[in-house]
Amino acid sequence: MKYRVLKKQHISKMCFVCGDRNDFGLHAKFYETDDNQLVAVINPSEQHQGYPGRMHGGLAATILDETMARSICNGKDEQIWGVTIELKTRFRKPVPLGMELKVMGRVTSEGSRSFESTGEIVLPNGEIAVSAEGKYIKMKIGKIANDQSLEDDWFFADSMDDPSEIEIP
């Protein structure tokens, strides 16, 4: 299924998940789609392995958590983010290294102060490797960062290779 990309989300330069200056990070790119989902695109490397050739389960949970927490931003003020209260993961298949993977997240219920979200790591053949459910508190990015200056650390990393559509098998 193809999804039209509406917007790319900001990144933080040293974040393990999205930081483009973190040598050991996942370097995830996050795209809001026309069906109100958030899709992260990652390509895990040997640095992210648990067993040889497989992504560490804790890192699989990490990318799912980040994607689901960010899903609250879809079509909204992106200064409001999710802070994890609870995360439940289900590991179904090994997550391979060295290939592009898609991670999907969406809000399933929302209150004034919190929300719930679900997500999946989708393999290139369309199978779901890991799924998750989470509960999050809504919080402004300034409060999460203890009101530190975010101008140098929080930015929009646009690139020529950003897609206008994302296909999920």
Foldseek 3Di string as FASTA:
>chain_A
DKWFFDDKFKAFQCDQACHPPPPLHFNWTWTQTPVLKIKIKGAAAPSQPDPPFFGDPVVVQVNQVQRQQQSVPRVHDSQKTWDFDDKDKDFDATHGHGDMKMKMKHWPDDDPFKTKMKIFIADPVGDTGMIMITITTIDGNCVVVVNDDCPNTIGHDDDPPDDRMDDRD
